[in-house]
C-alpha atoms as a PDB file:
ATOM      1  CA  UNK A   1       0.014   0.209  -0.076  1.00  0.00           C
ATOM      2  CA  UNK A   2       1.087   3.736  -0.456  1.00  0.00           C
ATOM      3  CA  UNK A   3       2.028   5.951   2.153  1.00  0.00           C
ATOM      4  CA  UNK A   4      -0.259   7.865   3.898  1.00  0.00           C
ATOM      5  CA  UNK A   5      -0.479  11.436   4.972  1.00  0.00           C
ATOM      6  CA  UNK A   6      -2.725  13.827   6.208  1.00  0.00           C
ATOM      7  CA  UNK A   7      -3.309  17.317   5.734  1.00  0.00           C
ATOM      8  CA  UNK A   8      -0.757  18.116   8.129  1.00  0.00           C
ATOM      9  CA  UNK A   9       1.709  16.332   6.012  1.00  0.00           C
ATOM     10  CA  UNK A  10       2.354  13.311   8.873  1.00  0.00           C
ATOM     11  CA  UNK A  11       3.354  10.341   6.979  1.00  0.00           C
ATOM     12  CA  UNK A  12       2.662   6.532   7.567  1.00  0.00           C
ATOM     13  CA  UNK A  13       1.938   2.597   6.825  1.00  0.00           C
ATOM     14  CA  UNK A  14       0.028   0.517   8.114  1.00  0.00           C
ATOM     15  CA  UNK A  15      -0.609  -3.203   8.168  1.00  0.00           C
ATOM     16  CA  UNK A  16      -3.025  -5.436   9.590  1.00  0.00           C
ATOM     17  CA  UNK A  17      -3.107  -8.837  10.132  1.00  0.00           C
ATOM     18  CA  UNK A  18      -5.265 -11.906  11.856  1.00  0.00           C
ATOM     19  CA  UNK A  19      -3.246 -14.544  13.382  1.00  0.00           C
ATOM     20  CA  UNK A  20      -3.966 -17.671  15.863  1.00  0.00           C
ATOM     21  CA  UNK A  21      -3.886 -17.003  19.528  1.00  0.00           C
ATOM     22  CA  UNK A  22      -5.123 -15.720  22.695  1.00  0.00           C
ATOM     23  CA  UNK A  23      -4.323 -12.013  23.304  1.00  0.00           C
ATOM     24  CA  UNK A  24      -1.687 -12.663  25.440  1.00  0.00           C
ATOM     25  CA  UNK A  25      -0.002 -14.606  23.994  1.00  0.00           C
ATOM     26  CA  UNK A  26      -0.037 -12.891  20.954  1.00  0.00           C
ATOM     27  CA  UNK A  27       1.066 -10.048  23.137  1.00  0.00           C
ATOM     28  CA  UNK A  28       4.054 -11.300  24.519  1.00  0.00           C
ATOM     29  CA  UNK A  29       4.707 -12.322  21.097  1.00  0.00           C
ATOM     30  CA  UNK A  30       4.668  -8.666  19.594  1.00  0.00           C
ATOM     31  CA  UNK A  31       5.739  -6.808  22.911  1.00  0.00           C
ATOM     32  CA  UNK A  32       8.569  -8.465  24.715  1.00  0.00           C
ATOM     33  CA  UNK A  33      12.115  -9.503  23.991  1.00  0.00           C
ATOM     34  CA  UNK A  34      11.288 -13.058  24.008  1.00  0.00           C
ATOM     35  CA  UNK A  35       8.630 -12.924  21.972  1.00  0.00           C
ATOM     36  CA  UNK A  36      10.185 -10.857  18.730  1.00  0.00           C
ATOM     37  CA  UNK A  37      13.153 -13.072  18.813  1.00  0.00           C
ATOM     38  CA  UNK A  38      11.318 -15.980  18.389  1.00  0.00           C
ATOM     39  CA  UNK A  39       9.857 -14.686  14.762  1.00  0.00           C
ATOM     40  CA  UNK A  40      11.549 -11.922  14.089  1.00  0.00           C
ATOM     41  CA  UNK A  41      14.718 -10.908  15.342  1.00  0.00           C
ATOM     42  CA  UNK A  42      16.918 -11.042  18.655  1.00  0.00           C
ATOM     43  CA  UNK A  43      15.300  -8.210  21.045  1.00  0.00           C
ATOM     44  CA  UNK A  44      15.632  -7.033  23.970  1.00  0.00           C
ATOM     45  CA  UNK A  45      12.802  -4.732  25.728  1.00  0.00           C
ATOM     46  CA  UNK A  46      12.435  -2.817  28.760  1.00  0.00           C
ATOM     47  CA  UNK A  47       8.758  -4.016  29.753  1.00  0.00           C
ATOM     48  CA  UNK A  48       7.444  -0.140  30.834  1.00  0.00           C
ATOM     49  CA  UNK A  49       7.082   3.538  29.157  1.00  0.00           C
ATOM     50  CA  UNK A  50      10.649   5.385  28.776  1.00  0.00           C
ATOM     51  CA  UNK A  51      12.135   1.676  28.475  1.00  0.00           C
ATOM     52  CA  UNK A  52      14.684   0.935  25.786  1.00  0.00           C
ATOM     53  CA  UNK A  53      14.334  -1.579  22.711  1.00  0.00           C
ATOM     54  CA  UNK A  54      16.932  -2.639  20.986  1.00  0.00           C
ATOM     55  CA  UNK A  55      16.676  -5.090  18.115  1.00  0.00           C
ATOM     56  CA  UNK A  56      19.877  -6.965  16.898  1.00  0.00           C
ATOM     57  CA  UNK A  57      19.995  -7.388  13.538  1.00  0.00           C
ATOM     58  CA  UNK A  58      23.393  -9.203  12.933  1.00  0.00           C
ATOM     59  CA  UNK A  59      25.154  -8.424   9.597  1.00  0.00           C
ATOM     60  CA  UNK A  60      22.790  -5.506   9.460  1.00  0.00           C
ATOM     61  CA  UNK A  61      23.627  -3.916  12.574  1.00  0.00           C
ATOM     62  CA  UNK A  62      21.393  -2.394  15.310  1.00  0.00           C
ATOM     63  CA  UNK A  63      18.596  -0.041  16.229  1.00  0.00           C
ATOM     64  CA  UNK A  64      17.451   1.316  19.334  1.00  0.00           C
ATOM     65  CA  UNK A  65      14.604   2.630  20.930  1.00  0.00           C
ATOM     66  CA  UNK A  66      12.345   3.546  23.002  1.00  0.00           C
ATOM     67  CA  UNK A  67       8.897   2.589  24.729  1.00  0.00           C
ATOM     68  CA  UNK A  68       6.534   4.984  24.752  1.00  0.00           C
ATOM     69  CA  UNK A  69       3.175   2.622  25.121  1.00  0.00           C
ATOM     70  CA  UNK A  70       3.110  -0.017  27.361  1.00  0.00           C
ATOM     71  CA  UNK A  71      -1.012  -1.465  27.661  1.00  0.00           C
ATOM     72  CA  UNK A  72      -0.607  -4.982  28.563  1.00  0.00           C
ATOM     73  CA  UNK A  73      -1.759  -7.194  26.069  1.00  0.00           C
ATOM     74  CA  UNK A  74      -3.963  -4.346  23.792  1.00  0.00           C
ATOM     75  CA  UNK A  75      -0.916  -1.652  22.545  1.00  0.00           C
ATOM     76  CA  UNK A  76       2.443  -1.104  22.034  1.00  0.00           C
ATOM     77  CA  UNK A  77       4.179   1.567  21.331  1.00  0.00           C
ATOM     78  CA  UNK A  78       8.201   3.217  20.746  1.00  0.00           C
ATOM     79  CA  UNK A  79      10.426   5.315  18.984  1.00  0.00           C
ATOM     80  CA  UNK A  80      13.358   4.892  16.945  1.00  0.00           C
ATOM     81  CA  UNK A  81      15.429   8.597  17.021  1.00  0.00           C
ATOM     82  CA  UNK A  82      18.463   7.150  15.174  1.00  0.00           C
ATOM     83  CA  UNK A  83      17.366   4.099  13.087  1.00  0.00           C
ATOM     84  CA  UNK A  84      19.134   5.068   9.822  1.00  0.00           C
ATOM     85  CA  UNK A  85      21.737   8.194   9.837  1.00  0.00           C
ATOM     86  CA  UNK A  86      20.461  11.787   9.117  1.00  0.00           C
ATOM     87  CA  UNK A  87      16.577  10.162   8.740  1.00  0.00           C
ATOM     88  CA  UNK A  88      13.672  11.803  10.696  1.00  0.00           C
ATOM     89  CA  UNK A  89      12.483   9.878  14.131  1.00  0.00           C
ATOM     90  CA  UNK A  90      10.120   6.900  13.412  1.00  0.00           C
ATOM     91  CA  UNK A  91       7.320   5.489  15.899  1.00  0.00           C
ATOM     92  CA  UNK A  92       5.808   2.733  15.510  1.00  0.00           C
ATOM     93  CA  UNK A  93       2.228   1.213  17.007  1.00  0.00           C
ATOM     94  CA  UNK A  94       1.194  -2.443  17.220  1.00  0.00           C
ATOM     95  CA  UNK A  95      -2.518  -2.734  18.867  1.00  0.00           C
ATOM     96  CA  UNK A  96      -3.736  -6.453  19.274  1.00  0.00           C
ATOM     97  CA  UNK A  97      -7.763  -7.168  19.109  1.00  0.00           C
ATOM     98  CA  UNK A  98      -8.587 -10.193  20.178  1.00  0.00           C
ATOM     99  CA  UNK A  99     -11.674 -12.401  17.973  1.00  0.00           C
ATOM    100  CA  UNK A 100     -13.149 -15.418  18.662  1.00  0.00           C
ATOM    101  CA  UNK A 101     -11.989 -18.658  17.597  1.00  0.00           C
ATOM    102  CA  UNK A 102      -8.630 -17.900  19.557  1.00  0.00           C
ATOM    103  CA  UNK A 103      -7.638 -15.370  16.509  1.00  0.00           C
ATOM    104  CA  UNK A 104      -5.898 -11.614  16.961  1.00  0.00           C
ATOM    105  CA  UNK A 105      -6.382  -9.000  14.593  1.00  0.00           C
ATOM    106  CA  UNK A 106      -2.633  -7.346  15.223  1.00  0.00           C
ATOM    107  CA  UNK A 107      -1.807  -3.855  13.577  1.00  0.00           C
ATOM    108  CA  UNK A 108       1.035  -2.644  12.954  1.00  0.00           C
ATOM    109  CA  UNK A 109       1.743   1.707  11.804  1.00  0.00           C
ATOM    110  CA  UNK A 110       5.077   3.277  10.980  1.00  0.00           C
ATOM    111  CA  UNK A 111       5.200   6.656  11.109  1.00  0.00           C
ATOM    112  CA  UNK A 112       7.549   8.561  10.180  1.00  0.00           C
ATOM    113  CA  UNK A 113       7.846  12.683  11.697  1.00  0.00           C
ATOM    114  CA  UNK A 114       8.415  14.258   7.986  1.00  0.00           C
ATOM    115  CA  UNK A 115       6.405  16.336   6.192  1.00  0.00           C
ATOM    116  CA  UNK A 116       8.483  15.902   2.949  1.00  0.00           C
ATOM    117  CA  UNK A 117       8.496  12.689   0.774  1.00  0.00           C
ATOM    118  CA  UNK A 118      12.437  12.404   0.812  1.00  0.00           C
ATOM    119  CA  UNK A 119      11.737   8.968   3.266  1.00  0.00           C
ATOM    120  CA  UNK A 120       9.005   7.977   1.451  1.00  0.00           C
ATOM    121  CA  UNK A 121      10.651   5.105   0.621  1.00  0.00           C
ATOM    122  CA  UNK A 122      12.433   3.743   3.527  1.00  0.00           C
ATOM    123  CA  UNK A 123       8.519   3.363   5.214  1.00  0.00           C
ATOM    124  CA  UNK A 124       7.366   1.733   1.917  1.00  0.00           C
ATOM    125  CA  UNK A 125      10.282  -0.743   2.287  1.00  0.00           C
ATOM    126  CA  UNK A 126       8.987  -1.083   6.051  1.00  0.00           C
ATOM    127  CA  UNK A 127       5.545  -2.179   4.680  1.00  0.00           C
ATOM    128  CA  UNK A 128       7.406  -4.669   1.984  1.00  0.00           C
ATOM    129  CA  UNK A 129      10.048  -6.332   4.896  1.00  0.00           C
ATOM    130  CA  UNK A 130       7.424  -7.782   7.222  1.00  0.00           C
ATOM    131  CA  UNK A 131       5.123 -10.179   5.062  1.00  0.00           C
ATOM    132  CA  UNK A 132       8.193 -12.718   5.301  1.00  0.00           C
ATOM    133  CA  UNK A 133       8.487 -12.599   8.938  1.00  0.00           C
ATOM    134  CA  UNK A 134       4.620 -11.994   9.786  1.00  0.00           C
ATOM    135  CA  UNK A 135       4.488 -15.888   8.012  1.00  0.00           C
ATOM    136  CA  UNK A 136       7.011 -16.718  10.484  1.00  0.00           C
ATOM    137  CA  UNK A 137       5.056 -15.282  13.350  1.00  0.00           C
ATOM    138  CA  UNK A 138       1.634 -17.358  12.269  1.00  0.00           C
ATOM    139  CA  UNK A 139       3.351 -20.590  12.414  1.00  0.00           C
ATOM    140  CA  UNK A 140       5.487 -19.877  15.834  1.00  0.00           C
ATOM    141  CA  UNK A 141       1.675 -18.864  17.272  1.00  0.00           C
ATOM    142  CA  UNK A 142       0.168 -21.768  15.648  1.00  0.00           C
ATOM    143  CA  UNK A 143       2.830 -24.686  17.292  1.00  0.00           C
ATOM    144  CA  UNK A 144       5.442 -23.278  19.368  1.00  0.00           C
ATOM    145  CA  UNK A 145       3.396 -20.285  20.976  1.00  0.00           C
ATOM    146  CA  UNK A 146       5.376 -19.840  24.646  1.00  0.00           C
ATOM    147  CA  UNK A 147       8.034 -22.383  23.233  1.00  0.00           C
ATOM    148  CA  UNK A 148      12.174 -20.869  24.446  1.00  0.00           C
ATOM    149  CA  UNK A 149      13.526 -19.648  21.262  1.00  0.00           C
ATOM    150  CA  UNK A 150      16.331 -18.611  19.108  1.00  0.00           C
ATOM    151  CA  UNK A 151      17.250 -16.944  16.121  1.00  0.00           C
ATOM    152  CA  UNK A 152      20.063 -15.699  13.964  1.00  0.00           C
ATOM    153  CA  UNK A 153      20.410 -13.887  10.393  1.00  0.00           C
ATOM    154  CA  UNK A 154      23.053 -14.545   7.772  1.00  0.00           C
ATOM    155  CA  UNK A 155      23.035 -12.014   4.852  1.00  0.00           C
ATOM    156  CA  UNK A 156      24.640 -12.007   1.739  1.00  0.00           C
ATOM    157  CA  UNK A 157      25.558  -9.600  -1.209  1.00  0.00           C
ATOM    158  CA  UNK A 158      26.052  -9.896  -4.741  1.00  0.00           C
ATOM    159  CA  UNK A 159      26.209  -8.949  -8.100  1.00  0.00           C
ATOM    160  CA  UNK A 160      24.074 -10.946  -9.118  1.00  0.00           C
ATOM    161  CA  UNK A 161      21.069 -10.592 -10.569  1.00  0.00           C
ATOM    162  CA  UNK A 162      17.347 -11.556  -8.922  1.00  0.00           C
ATOM    163  CA  UNK A 163      16.339 -14.325 -10.945  1.00  0.00           C
ATOM    164  CA  UNK A 164      19.882 -15.369 -10.971  1.00  0.00           C
ATOM    165  CA  UNK A 165      20.177 -15.730  -7.221  1.00  0.00           C
ATOM    166  CA  UNK A 166      16.959 -17.437  -6.354  1.00  0.00           C
ATOM    167  CA  UNK A 167      17.406 -19.889  -9.189  1.00  0.00           C
ATOM    168  CA  UNK A 168      21.184 -20.719  -7.668  1.00  0.00           C
ATOM    169  CA  UNK A 169      20.020 -20.757  -4.022  1.00  0.00           C
ATOM    170  CA  UNK A 170      17.465 -23.037  -4.873  1.00  0.00           C
ATOM    171  CA  UNK A 171      18.754 -25.396  -6.986  1.00  0.00           C
ATOM    172  CA  UNK A 172      21.810 -25.255  -4.348  1.00  0.00           C
ATOM    173  CA  UNK A 173      19.780 -26.238  -1.234  1.00  0.00           C
ATOM    174  CA  UNK A 174      17.409 -28.842  -3.179  1.00  0.00           C
ATOM    175  CA  UNK A 175      14.067 -26.500  -3.256  1.00  0.00           C
ATOM    176  CA  UNK A 176      13.587 -25.637  -6.634  1.00  0.00           C
ATOM    177  CA  UNK A 177       9.864 -25.648  -7.912  1.00  0.00           C
ATOM    178  CA  UNK A 178       8.899 -25.547  -4.194  1.00  0.00           C
ATOM    179  CA  UNK A 179       5.043 -25.904  -3.530  1.00  0.00           C
ATOM    180  CA  UNK A 180       3.230 -25.366  -0.138  1.00  0.00           C
ATOM    181  CA  UNK A 181       2.707 -28.354   1.772  1.00  0.00           C
ATOM    182  CA  UNK A 182       5.431 -30.455   0.168  1.00  0.00           C
ATOM    183  CA  UNK A 183       8.142 -32.017   2.806  1.00  0.00           C
ATOM    184  CA  UNK A 184      11.954 -30.451   1.640  1.00  0.00           C
ATOM    185  CA  UNK A 185      15.570 -31.432   2.967  1.00  0.00           C
ATOM    186  CA  UNK A 186      18.328 -29.319   1.779  1.00  0.00           C
ATOM    187  CA  UNK A 187      21.730 -30.990   1.805  1.00  0.00           C
ATOM    188  CA  UNK A 188      24.014 -32.430   4.237  1.00  0.00           C
ATOM    189  CA  UNK A 189      26.679 -29.340   3.752  1.00  0.00           C
ATOM    190  CA  UNK A 190      26.426 -27.397   5.440  1.00  0.00           C
ATOM    191  CA  UNK A 191      23.970 -28.905   7.665  1.00  0.00           C
ATOM    192  CA  UNK A 192      20.472 -30.835   6.987  1.00  0.00           C
ATOM    193  CA  UNK A 193      16.842 -28.729   7.200  1.00  0.00           C
ATOM    194  CA  UNK A 194      13.986 -30.912   7.162  1.00  0.00           C
ATOM    195  CA  UNK A 195      10.543 -29.607   7.497  1.00  0.00           C
ATOM    196  CA  UNK A 196       7.232 -29.025   5.313  1.00  0.00           C
ATOM    197  CA  UNK A 197       6.864 -26.083   2.963  1.00  0.00           C
ATOM    198  CA  UNK A 198       4.578 -23.695   4.534  1.00  0.00           C
ATOM    199  CA  UNK A 199       4.414 -20.545   1.998  1.00  0.00           C
ATOM    200  CA  UNK A 200       6.494 -19.222  -1.350  1.00  0.00           C
ATOM    201  CA  UNK A 201       6.418 -16.282  -2.636  1.00  0.00           C
ATOM    202  CA  UNK A 202       8.021 -15.085  -5.965  1.00  0.00           C
ATOM    203  CA  UNK A 203       7.837 -11.159  -7.427  1.00  0.00           C
ATOM    204  CA  UNK A 204      10.428  -8.818  -8.442  1.00  0.00           C
ATOM    205  CA  UNK A 205      11.444  -7.183  -4.936  1.00  0.00           C
ATOM    206  CA  UNK A 206      11.995 -10.229  -2.843  1.00  0.00           C
ATOM    207  CA  UNK A 207      11.581 -14.335  -3.389  1.00  0.00           C
ATOM    208  CA  UNK A 208      10.985 -16.798   0.099  1.00  0.00           C
ATOM    209  CA  UNK A 209       9.876 -20.447   0.975  1.00  0.00           C
ATOM    210  CA  UNK A 210       9.492 -20.290   4.755  1.00  0.00           C
ATOM    211  CA  UNK A 211       9.664 -24.090   6.260  1.00  0.00           C
ATOM    212  CA  UNK A 212       8.752 -25.416   9.201  1.00  0.00           C
ATOM    213  CA  UNK A 213      11.639 -27.240  10.936  1.00  0.00           C
ATOM    214  CA  UNK A 214      11.205 -30.884  12.131  1.00  0.00           C
ATOM    215  CA  UNK A 215      14.836 -31.480  12.004  1.00  0.00           C
ATOM    216  CA  UNK A 216      17.873 -30.767  12.898  1.00  0.00           C
ATOM    217  CA  UNK A 217      15.446 -29.094  15.486  1.00  0.00           C
ATOM    218  CA  UNK A 218      11.893 -27.658  15.954  1.00  0.00           C
ATOM    219  CA  UNK A 219      11.602 -24.118  14.436  1.00  0.00           C
ATOM    220  CA  UNK A 220      11.092 -22.378  10.957  1.00  0.00           C
ATOM    221  CA  UNK A 221      13.556 -21.064   8.058  1.00  0.00           C
ATOM    222  CA  UNK A 222      13.054 -18.144   6.374  1.00  0.00           C
ATOM    223  CA  UNK A 223      15.324 -18.919   3.109  1.00  0.00           C
ATOM    224  CA  UNK A 224      15.362 -16.093   0.236  1.00  0.00           C
ATOM    225  CA  UNK A 225      16.761 -12.919  -1.777  1.00  0.00           C
ATOM    226  CA  UNK A 226      15.852  -9.655  -2.701  1.00  0.00           C
ATOM    227  CA  UNK A 227      16.802  -7.089  -5.238  1.00  0.00           C
ATOM    228  CA  UNK A 228      19.135  -4.529  -4.291  1.00  0.00           C
ATOM    229  CA  UNK A 229      20.466  -1.437  -6.493  1.00  0.00           C
ATOM    230  CA  UNK A 230      23.541  -2.783  -7.526  1.00  0.00           C
ATOM    231  CA  UNK A 231      22.581  -6.798  -7.686  1.00  0.00           C
ATOM    232  CA  UNK A 232      20.889  -9.178  -5.428  1.00  0.00           C
ATOM    233  CA  UNK A 233      20.938 -10.226  -1.317  1.00  0.00           C
ATOM    234  CA  UNK A 234      20.579 -14.113  -0.055  1.00  0.00           C
ATOM    235  CA  UNK A 235      19.189 -14.053   2.995  1.00  0.00           C
ATOM    236  CA  UNK A 236      18.461 -17.217   5.855  1.00  0.00           C
ATOM    237  CA  UNK A 237      16.917 -16.655   9.027  1.00  0.00           C
ATOM    238  CA  UNK A 238      16.635 -19.233  11.334  1.00  0.00           C
ATOM    239  CA  UNK A 239      14.206 -19.492  14.532  1.00  0.00           C
ATOM    240  CA  UNK A 240      14.803 -22.827  16.537  1.00  0.00           C
ATOM    241  CA  UNK A 241      12.272 -23.725  19.845  1.00  0.00           C
ATOM    242  CA  UNK A 242      12.361 -25.362  22.609  1.00  0.00           C
ATOM    243  CA  UNK A 243      14.517 -26.039  25.897  1.00  0.00           C
ATOM    244  CA  UNK A 244      17.766 -26.960  23.448  1.00  0.00           C
ATOM    245  CA  UNK A 245      17.304 -23.922  21.313  1.00  0.00           C
ATOM    246  CA  UNK A 246      20.510 -21.877  22.384  1.00  0.00           C
ATOM    247  CA  UNK A 247      22.650 -24.803  21.862  1.00  0.00           C
ATOM    248  CA  UNK A 248      21.164 -26.062  18.581  1.00  0.00           C
ATOM    249  CA  UNK A 249      21.552 -22.057  17.516  1.00  0.00           C
ATOM    250  CA  UNK A 250      24.986 -22.307  18.261  1.00  0.00           C
ATOM    251  CA  UNK A 251      26.167 -24.813  16.543  1.00  0.00           C
ATOM    252  CA  UNK A 252      24.277 -23.900  13.667  1.00  0.00           C
ATOM    253  CA  UNK A 253      24.617 -20.299  13.278  1.00  0.00           C
ATOM    254  CA  UNK A 254      28.801 -20.609  12.128  1.00  0.00           C
ATOM    255  CA  UNK A 255      28.129 -23.410   9.505  1.00  0.00           C
ATOM    256  CA  UNK A 256      25.395 -21.061   7.885  1.00  0.00           C
ATOM    257  CA  UNK A 257      27.257 -18.386   7.941  1.00  0.00           C
ATOM    258  CA  UNK A 258      30.591 -19.522   6.592  1.00  0.00           C
ATOM    259  CA  UNK A 259      28.563 -21.320   3.661  1.00  0.00           C
ATOM    260  CA  UNK A 260      26.317 -18.393   2.889  1.00  0.00           C
ATOM    261  CA  UNK A 261      29.719 -16.085   2.933  1.00  0.00           C
ATOM    262  CA  UNK A 262      31.857 -18.811   0.904  1.00  0.00           C
ATOM    263  CA  UNK A 263      29.300 -19.670  -1.592  1.00  0.00           C
ATOM    264  CA  UNK A 264      27.370 -16.488  -2.733  1.00  0.00           C
ATOM    265  CA  UNK A 265      29.309 -13.424  -1.194  1.00  0.00           C
ATOM    266  CA  UNK A 266      30.815 -11.002  -3.959  1.00  0.00           C
ATOM    267  CA  UNK A 267      29.105 -13.426  -6.724  1.00  0.00           C
ATOM    268  CA  UNK A 268      27.888 -12.411  -9.884  1.00  0.00           C
END
């Protein structure tokens, strides 16, 4: 959806989705550090107004903000004042509304403190970047809500075209032509991932596959590519659940980091 603006020049993008779970379960996923780590990225949250929220994006850096609303299990908000060099502050508000059948509506709004269109591309980037993570969120709430979680992200920049990189990635991992509902496994190296294809997306901007994992541990893998101004990037995010999640992540992370870098970095 395009950037919205009012007569005063305020600008925002908004997203709404229906997810499984009680308001308390969905609130935990959206507003706590442990919850965000289970479907988005490593996060720390001071659970009170005025507290700090910190997102650790691994190779993509980090962002720190301030909690501006804390109303469990309904409303959570924060502001990031230094999310991008030279950019105006961006405010995020998340509301959770319960529905029948243990479902909730989640509404997320990103508002930019700017009166010009200089940063509209970044606002639209927020919106386009969420859908893959929202797929992970739905799986987490459906199968693993409340379980201990560990996650990591690894990324490599390439000079390849987006279609070329996607073809190479899926062929190398044995995921070519994957369809929702299929059982798929990647090769033994760097690590065999086995699971059910839950979602596939392919368009000009991004392409990804979401696997609900059975091995080497229960979890989710978000595997994809996205176009950049100078080529395309390959990205792998893995989320592991259960009491041994941290242990499994500590073993998996270096394998995938070395493989992504060795196989794709600066290729093309």
